[in-house]
């Protein structure tokens, strides 16, 4: 039986998966902050019978881009 020592294959061994995870986590934190800021700028939606924050085009575009990436 032969053993190969020091061979690195794929994202797991090179740290690439960690980098991708950090970038995606950054995307989702950014989306959460953007949503919070947009909703807090217009607090009148909180007084409605069925409260729902109107997010607008900016948030929709950012969410779409993060899904495509």
PDB file of N, CA and C in Angstrom:
ATOM      1  N   UNK A   1       0.845  -1.174   0.000  1.00  0.00           N
ATOM      2  CA  UNK A   1       0.000   0.000   0.000  1.00  0.00           C
ATOM      3  C   UNK A   1       0.894   1.242   0.000  1.00  0.00           C
ATOM      4  N   UNK A   2       0.617   2.138  -0.907  1.00  0.00           N
ATOM      5  CA  UNK A   2       1.408   3.360  -1.017  1.00  0.00           C
ATOM      6  C   UNK A   2       0.699   4.501  -0.306  1.00  0.00           C
ATOM      7  N   UNK A   3       1.475   5.342   0.333  1.00  0.00           N
ATOM      8  CA  UNK A   3       0.937   6.520   1.018  1.00  0.00           C
ATOM      9  C   UNK A   3       1.568   7.763   0.413  1.00  0.00           C
ATOM     10  N   UNK A   4       0.725   8.722   0.075  1.00  0.00           N
ATOM     11  CA  UNK A   4       1.227   9.981  -0.449  1.00  0.00           C
ATOM     12  C   UNK A   4       1.225  11.004   0.677  1.00  0.00           C
ATOM     13  N   UNK A   5       2.350  11.594   0.927  1.00  0.00           N
ATOM     14  CA  UNK A   5       2.481  12.555   2.005  1.00  0.00           C
ATOM     15  C   UNK A   5       2.604  13.961   1.411  1.00  0.00           C
ATOM     16  N   UNK A   6       1.854  14.898   1.983  1.00  0.00           N
ATOM     17  CA  UNK A   6       1.978  16.282   1.584  1.00  0.00           C
ATOM     18  C   UNK A   6       1.173  16.665   0.348  1.00  0.00           C
ATOM     19  N   UNK A   7       0.254  15.820  -0.072  1.00  0.00           N
ATOM     20  CA  UNK A   7      -0.568  16.145  -1.232  1.00  0.00           C
ATOM     21  C   UNK A   7      -1.813  16.877  -0.756  1.00  0.00           C
ATOM     22  N   UNK A   8      -2.029  18.058  -1.318  1.00  0.00           N
ATOM     23  CA  UNK A   8      -3.205  18.847  -0.964  1.00  0.00           C
ATOM     24  C   UNK A   8      -4.121  18.919  -2.173  1.00  0.00           C
ATOM     25  N   UNK A   9      -5.368  18.555  -1.957  1.00  0.00           N
ATOM     26  CA  UNK A   9      -6.318  18.547  -3.055  1.00  0.00           C
ATOM     27  C   UNK A   9      -7.609  19.216  -2.606  1.00  0.00           C
ATOM     28  N   UNK A  10      -8.123  20.126  -3.427  1.00  0.00           N
ATOM     29  CA  UNK A  10      -9.435  20.706  -3.177  1.00  0.00           C
ATOM     30  C   UNK A  10      -9.430  21.879  -2.228  1.00  0.00           C
ATOM     31  N   UNK A  11     -10.635  22.395  -2.012  1.00  0.00           N
ATOM     32  CA  UNK A  11     -10.812  23.574  -1.163  1.00  0.00           C
ATOM     33  C   UNK A  11     -10.544  23.294   0.309  1.00  0.00           C
ATOM     34  N   UNK A  12     -10.829  22.099   0.756  1.00  0.00           N
ATOM     35  CA  UNK A  12     -10.702  21.791   2.183  1.00  0.00           C
ATOM     36  C   UNK A  12      -9.273  21.979   2.665  1.00  0.00           C
ATOM     37  N   UNK A  13      -8.320  21.522   1.911  1.00  0.00           N
ATOM     38  CA  UNK A  13      -6.941  21.540   2.379  1.00  0.00           C
ATOM     39  C   UNK A  13      -6.239  22.871   2.137  1.00  0.00           C
ATOM     40  N   UNK A  14      -6.741  23.687   1.223  1.00  0.00           N
ATOM     41  CA  UNK A  14      -6.045  24.936   0.924  1.00  0.00           C
ATOM     42  C   UNK A  14      -6.600  26.129   1.688  1.00  0.00           C
ATOM     43  N   UNK A  15      -7.659  25.952   2.422  1.00  0.00           N
ATOM     44  CA  UNK A  15      -8.259  27.055   3.154  1.00  0.00           C
ATOM     45  C   UNK A  15      -9.240  27.843   2.316  1.00  0.00           C
ATOM     46  N   UNK A  16      -9.450  27.424   1.080  1.00  0.00           N
ATOM     47  CA  UNK A  16     -10.364  28.121   0.193  1.00  0.00           C
ATOM     48  C   UNK A  16     -11.797  28.085   0.686  1.00  0.00           C
ATOM     49  N   UNK A  17     -12.182  26.969   1.277  1.00  0.00           N
ATOM     50  CA  UNK A  17     -13.547  26.855   1.787  1.00  0.00           C
ATOM     51  C   UNK A  17     -13.772  27.837   2.937  1.00  0.00           C
ATOM     52  N   UNK A  18     -12.766  28.033   3.751  1.00  0.00           N
ATOM     53  CA  UNK A  18     -12.859  29.004   4.839  1.00  0.00           C
ATOM     54  C   UNK A  18     -13.014  30.410   4.275  1.00  0.00           C
ATOM     55  N   UNK A  19     -12.270  30.726   3.245  1.00  0.00           N
ATOM     56  CA  UNK A  19     -12.361  32.045   2.629  1.00  0.00           C
ATOM     57  C   UNK A  19     -13.732  32.271   2.005  1.00  0.00           C
ATOM     58  N   UNK A  20     -14.253  31.264   1.332  1.00  0.00           N
ATOM     59  CA  UNK A  20     -15.588  31.376   0.734  1.00  0.00           C
ATOM     60  C   UNK A  20     -16.625  31.563   1.831  1.00  0.00           C
ATOM     61  N   UNK A  21     -16.491  30.843   2.930  1.00  0.00           N
ATOM     62  CA  UNK A  21     -17.425  30.966   4.049  1.00  0.00           C
ATOM     63  C   UNK A  21     -17.392  32.365   4.649  1.00  0.00           C
ATOM     64  N   UNK A  22     -16.213  32.928   4.779  1.00  0.00           N
ATOM     65  CA  UNK A  22     -16.076  34.274   5.342  1.00  0.00           C
ATOM     66  C   UNK A  22     -16.718  35.303   4.409  1.00  0.00           C
ATOM     67  N   UNK A  23     -16.500  35.169   3.106  1.00  0.00           N
ATOM     68  CA  UNK A  23     -17.086  36.099   2.146  1.00  0.00           C
ATOM     69  C   UNK A  23     -18.611  36.007   2.171  1.00  0.00           C
ATOM     70  N   UNK A  24     -19.147  34.799   2.168  1.00  0.00           N
ATOM     71  CA  UNK A  24     -20.604  34.631   2.199  1.00  0.00           C
ATOM     72  C   UNK A  24     -21.183  35.157   3.516  1.00  0.00           C
ATOM     73  N   UNK A  25     -20.492  34.926   4.612  1.00  0.00           N
ATOM     74  CA  UNK A  25     -20.932  35.475   5.894  1.00  0.00           C
ATOM     75  C   UNK A  25     -20.956  36.991   5.866  1.00  0.00           C
ATOM     76  N   UNK A  26     -19.963  37.582   5.201  1.00  0.00           N
ATOM     77  CA  UNK A  26     -19.932  39.032   5.041  1.00  0.00           C
ATOM     78  C   UNK A  26     -21.101  39.542   4.217  1.00  0.00           C
ATOM     79  N   UNK A  27     -21.425  38.805   3.138  1.00  0.00           N
ATOM     80  CA  UNK A  27     -22.591  39.164   2.324  1.00  0.00           C
ATOM     81  C   UNK A  27     -23.856  39.179   3.171  1.00  0.00           C
ATOM     82  N   UNK A  28     -24.066  38.127   3.936  1.00  0.00           N
ATOM     83  CA  UNK A  28     -25.301  38.024   4.707  1.00  0.00           C
ATOM     84  C   UNK A  28     -25.358  39.031   5.856  1.00  0.00           C
ATOM     85  N   UNK A  29     -24.219  39.332   6.460  1.00  0.00           N
ATOM     86  CA  UNK A  29     -24.203  40.391   7.481  1.00  0.00           C
ATOM     87  C   UNK A  29     -24.525  41.744   6.842  1.00  0.00           C
ATOM     88  N   UNK A  30     -23.963  41.997   5.672  1.00  0.00           N
ATOM     89  CA  UNK A  30     -24.252  43.235   4.964  1.00  0.00           C
ATOM     90  C   UNK A  30     -25.721  43.353   4.599  1.00  0.00           C
ATOM     91  N   UNK A  31     -26.322  42.253   4.156  1.00  0.00           N
ATOM     92  CA  UNK A  31     -27.744  42.263   3.824  1.00  0.00           C
ATOM     93  C   UNK A  31     -28.603  42.528   5.057  1.00  0.00           C
ATOM     94  N   UNK A  32     -28.234  41.919   6.168  1.00  0.00           N
ATOM     95  CA  UNK A  32     -28.994  42.129   7.399  1.00  0.00           C
ATOM     96  C   UNK A  32     -28.894  43.585   7.857  1.00  0.00           C
ATOM     97  N   UNK A  33     -27.712  44.157   7.778  1.00  0.00           N
ATOM     98  CA  UNK A  33     -27.529  45.554   8.178  1.00  0.00           C
ATOM     99  C   UNK A  33     -28.303  46.478   7.243  1.00  0.00           C
ATOM    100  N   UNK A  34     -28.233  46.207   5.942  1.00  0.00           N
ATOM    101  CA  UNK A  34     -28.959  47.030   4.976  1.00  0.00           C
ATOM    102  C   UNK A  34     -30.462  46.969   5.236  1.00  0.00           C
ATOM    103  N   UNK A  35     -30.985  45.787   5.486  1.00  0.00           N
ATOM    104  CA  UNK A  35     -32.416  45.629   5.769  1.00  0.00           C
ATOM    105  C   UNK A  35     -32.798  46.388   7.034  1.00  0.00           C
ATOM    106  N   UNK A  36     -31.981  46.286   8.064  1.00  0.00           N
ATOM    107  CA  UNK A  36     -32.247  46.976   9.322  1.00  0.00           C
ATOM    108  C   UNK A  36     -32.267  48.485   9.121  1.00  0.00           C
ATOM    109  N   UNK A  37     -31.285  49.009   8.391  1.00  0.00           N
ATOM    110  CA  UNK A  37     -31.198  50.452   8.164  1.00  0.00           C
ATOM    111  C   UNK A  37     -32.403  50.943   7.371  1.00  0.00           C
ATOM    112  N   UNK A  38     -32.765  50.226   6.315  1.00  0.00           N
ATOM    113  CA  UNK A  38     -33.897  50.640   5.485  1.00  0.00           C
ATOM    114  C   UNK A  38     -35.186  50.618   6.295  1.00  0.00           C
ATOM    115  N   UNK A  39     -35.397  49.588   7.085  1.00  0.00           N
ATOM    116  CA  UNK A  39     -36.638  49.484   7.864  1.00  0.00           C
ATOM    117  C   UNK A  39     -36.704  50.525   8.981  1.00  0.00           C
ATOM    118  N   UNK A  40     -35.573  50.864   9.571  1.00  0.00           N
ATOM    119  CA  UNK A  40     -35.582  51.836  10.659  1.00  0.00           C
ATOM    120  C   UNK A  40     -35.694  53.276  10.162  1.00  0.00           C
ATOM    121  N   UNK A  41     -35.416  53.522   8.896  1.00  0.00           N
ATOM    122  CA  UNK A  41     -35.580  54.870   8.351  1.00  0.00           C
ATOM    123  C   UNK A  41     -37.049  55.246   8.212  1.00  0.00           C
ATOM    124  N   UNK A  42     -37.904  54.263   8.078  1.00  0.00           N
ATOM    125  CA  UNK A  42     -39.344  54.485   7.905  1.00  0.00           C
ATOM    126  C   UNK A  42     -40.107  53.645   8.933  1.00  0.00           C
ATOM    127  N   UNK A  43     -40.151  54.075  10.203  1.00  0.00           N
ATOM    128  CA  UNK A  43     -40.761  53.250  11.254  1.00  0.00           C
ATOM    129  C   UNK A  43     -42.291  53.214  11.227  1.00  0.00           C
ATOM    130  N   UNK A  44     -42.929  53.931  10.319  1.00  0.00           N
ATOM    131  CA  UNK A  44     -44.393  53.967  10.307  1.00  0.00           C
ATOM    132  C   UNK A  44     -45.011  52.604   9.993  1.00  0.00           C
ATOM    133  N   UNK A  45     -44.280  51.722   9.339  1.00  0.00           N
ATOM    134  CA  UNK A  45     -44.802  50.406   9.005  1.00  0.00           C
ATOM    135  C   UNK A  45     -45.053  49.557  10.250  1.00  0.00           C
ATOM    136  N   UNK A  46     -44.414  49.896  11.357  1.00  0.00           N
ATOM    137  CA  UNK A  46     -44.556  49.117  12.592  1.00  0.00           C
ATOM    138  C   UNK A  46     -45.949  49.265  13.210  1.00  0.00           C
ATOM    139  N   UNK A  47     -46.659  50.346  12.873  1.00  0.00           N
ATOM    140  CA  UNK A  47     -47.972  50.611  13.461  1.00  0.00           C
ATOM    141  C   UNK A  47     -49.116  49.982  12.671  1.00  0.00           C
ATOM    142  N   UNK A  48     -48.839  49.336  11.569  1.00  0.00           N
ATOM    143  CA  UNK A  48     -49.879  48.733  10.744  1.00  0.00           C
ATOM    144  C   UNK A  48     -50.438  47.463  11.397  1.00  0.00           C
ATOM    145  N   UNK A  49     -51.633  47.065  10.971  1.00  0.00           N
ATOM    146  CA  UNK A  49     -52.253  45.851  11.514  1.00  0.00           C
ATOM    147  C   UNK A  49     -51.406  44.612  11.197  1.00  0.00           C
ATOM    148  N   UNK A  50     -50.890  44.548   9.991  1.00  0.00           N
ATOM    149  CA  UNK A  50     -49.974  43.479   9.592  1.00  0.00           C
ATOM    150  C   UNK A  50     -48.639  44.123   9.218  1.00  0.00           C
ATOM    151  N   UNK A  51     -47.761  44.339  10.203  1.00  0.00           N
ATOM    152  CA  UNK A  51     -46.529  45.078   9.930  1.00  0.00           C
ATOM    153  C   UNK A  51     -45.594  44.329   8.970  1.00  0.00           C
ATOM    154  N   UNK A  52     -45.198  45.027   7.935  1.00  0.00           N
ATOM    155  CA  UNK A  52     -44.226  44.497   6.979  1.00  0.00           C
ATOM    156  C   UNK A  52     -43.442  45.671   6.422  1.00  0.00           C
ATOM    157  N   UNK A  53     -42.158  45.614   6.534  1.00  0.00           N
ATOM    158  CA  UNK A  53     -41.295  46.705   6.090  1.00  0.00           C
ATOM    159  C   UNK A  53     -41.202  46.729   4.567  1.00  0.00           C
ATOM    160  N   UNK A  54     -41.454  47.883   3.947  1.00  0.00           N
ATOM    161  CA  UNK A  54     -41.266  48.000   2.501  1.00  0.00           C
ATOM    162  C   UNK A  54     -39.774  48.180   2.184  1.00  0.00           C
ATOM    163  N   UNK A  55     -39.141  47.148   1.675  1.00  0.00           N
ATOM    164  CA  UNK A  55     -37.691  47.164   1.508  1.00  0.00           C
ATOM    165  C   UNK A  55     -37.214  47.971   0.311  1.00  0.00           C
ATOM    166  N   UNK A  56     -37.951  47.982  -0.757  1.00  0.00           N
ATOM    167  CA  UNK A  56     -37.552  48.765  -1.917  1.00  0.00           C
ATOM    168  C   UNK A  56     -36.612  48.032  -2.859  1.00  0.00           C
ATOM    169  N   UNK A  57     -36.284  48.713  -3.961  1.00  0.00           N
ATOM    170  CA  UNK A  57     -35.456  48.122  -5.012  1.00  0.00           C
ATOM    171  C   UNK A  57     -34.032  47.831  -4.567  1.00  0.00           C
ATOM    172  N   UNK A  58     -33.448  48.727  -3.760  1.00  0.00           N
ATOM    173  CA  UNK A  58     -32.047  48.570  -3.369  1.00  0.00           C
ATOM    174  C   UNK A  58     -31.801  47.253  -2.648  1.00  0.00           C
ATOM    175  N   UNK A  59     -32.674  46.934  -1.706  1.00  0.00           N
ATOM    176  CA  UNK A  59     -32.520  45.697  -0.940  1.00  0.00           C
ATOM    177  C   UNK A  59     -32.785  44.491  -1.839  1.00  0.00           C
ATOM    178  N   UNK A  60     -33.787  44.585  -2.694  1.00  0.00           N
ATOM    179  CA  UNK A  60     -34.107  43.481  -3.598  1.00  0.00           C
ATOM    180  C   UNK A  60     -32.942  43.186  -4.543  1.00  0.00           C
ATOM    181  N   UNK A  61     -32.334  44.223  -5.078  1.00  0.00           N
ATOM    182  CA  UNK A  61     -31.200  44.034  -5.985  1.00  0.00           C
ATOM    183  C   UNK A  61     -30.013  43.424  -5.253  1.00  0.00           C
ATOM    184  N   UNK A  62     -29.732  43.904  -4.050  1.00  0.00           N
ATOM    185  CA  UNK A  62     -28.609  43.366  -3.272  1.00  0.00           C
ATOM    186  C   UNK A  62     -28.841  41.901  -2.914  1.00  0.00           C
ATOM    187  N   UNK A  63     -30.071  41.542  -2.567  1.00  0.00           N
ATOM    188  CA  UNK A  63     -30.368  40.144  -2.253  1.00  0.00           C
ATOM    189  C   UNK A  63     -30.254  39.254  -3.490  1.00  0.00           C
ATOM    190  N   UNK A  64     -30.695  39.753  -4.624  1.00  0.00           N
ATOM    191  CA  UNK A  64     -30.597  38.999  -5.860  1.00  0.00           C
ATOM    192  C   UNK A  64     -29.136  38.765  -6.242  1.00  0.00           C
ATOM    193  N   UNK A  65     -28.322  39.800  -6.124  1.00  0.00           N
ATOM    194  CA  UNK A  65     -26.905  39.665  -6.451  1.00  0.00           C
ATOM    195  C   UNK A  65     -26.231  38.661  -5.525  1.00  0.00           C
ATOM    196  N   UNK A  66     -26.548  38.711  -4.236  1.00  0.00           N
ATOM    197  CA  UNK A  66     -25.910  37.770  -3.296  1.00  0.00           C
ATOM    198  C   UNK A  66     -26.343  36.332  -3.567  1.00  0.00           C
ATOM    199  N   UNK A  67     -27.556  36.130  -4.063  1.00  0.00           N
ATOM    200  CA  UNK A  67     -28.007  34.787  -4.413  1.00  0.00           C
ATOM    201  C   UNK A  67     -27.286  34.282  -5.664  1.00  0.00           C
ATOM    202  N   UNK A  68     -26.994  35.177  -6.598  1.00  0.00           N
ATOM    203  CA  UNK A  68     -26.318  34.759  -7.828  1.00  0.00           C
ATOM    204  C   UNK A  68     -24.831  34.493  -7.610  1.00  0.00           C
ATOM    205  N   UNK A  69     -24.247  35.150  -6.618  1.00  0.00           N
ATOM    206  CA  UNK A  69     -22.828  34.950  -6.335  1.00  0.00           C
ATOM    207  C   UNK A  69     -22.699  33.661  -5.580  1.00  0.00           C
TER     208      UNK A  69
END
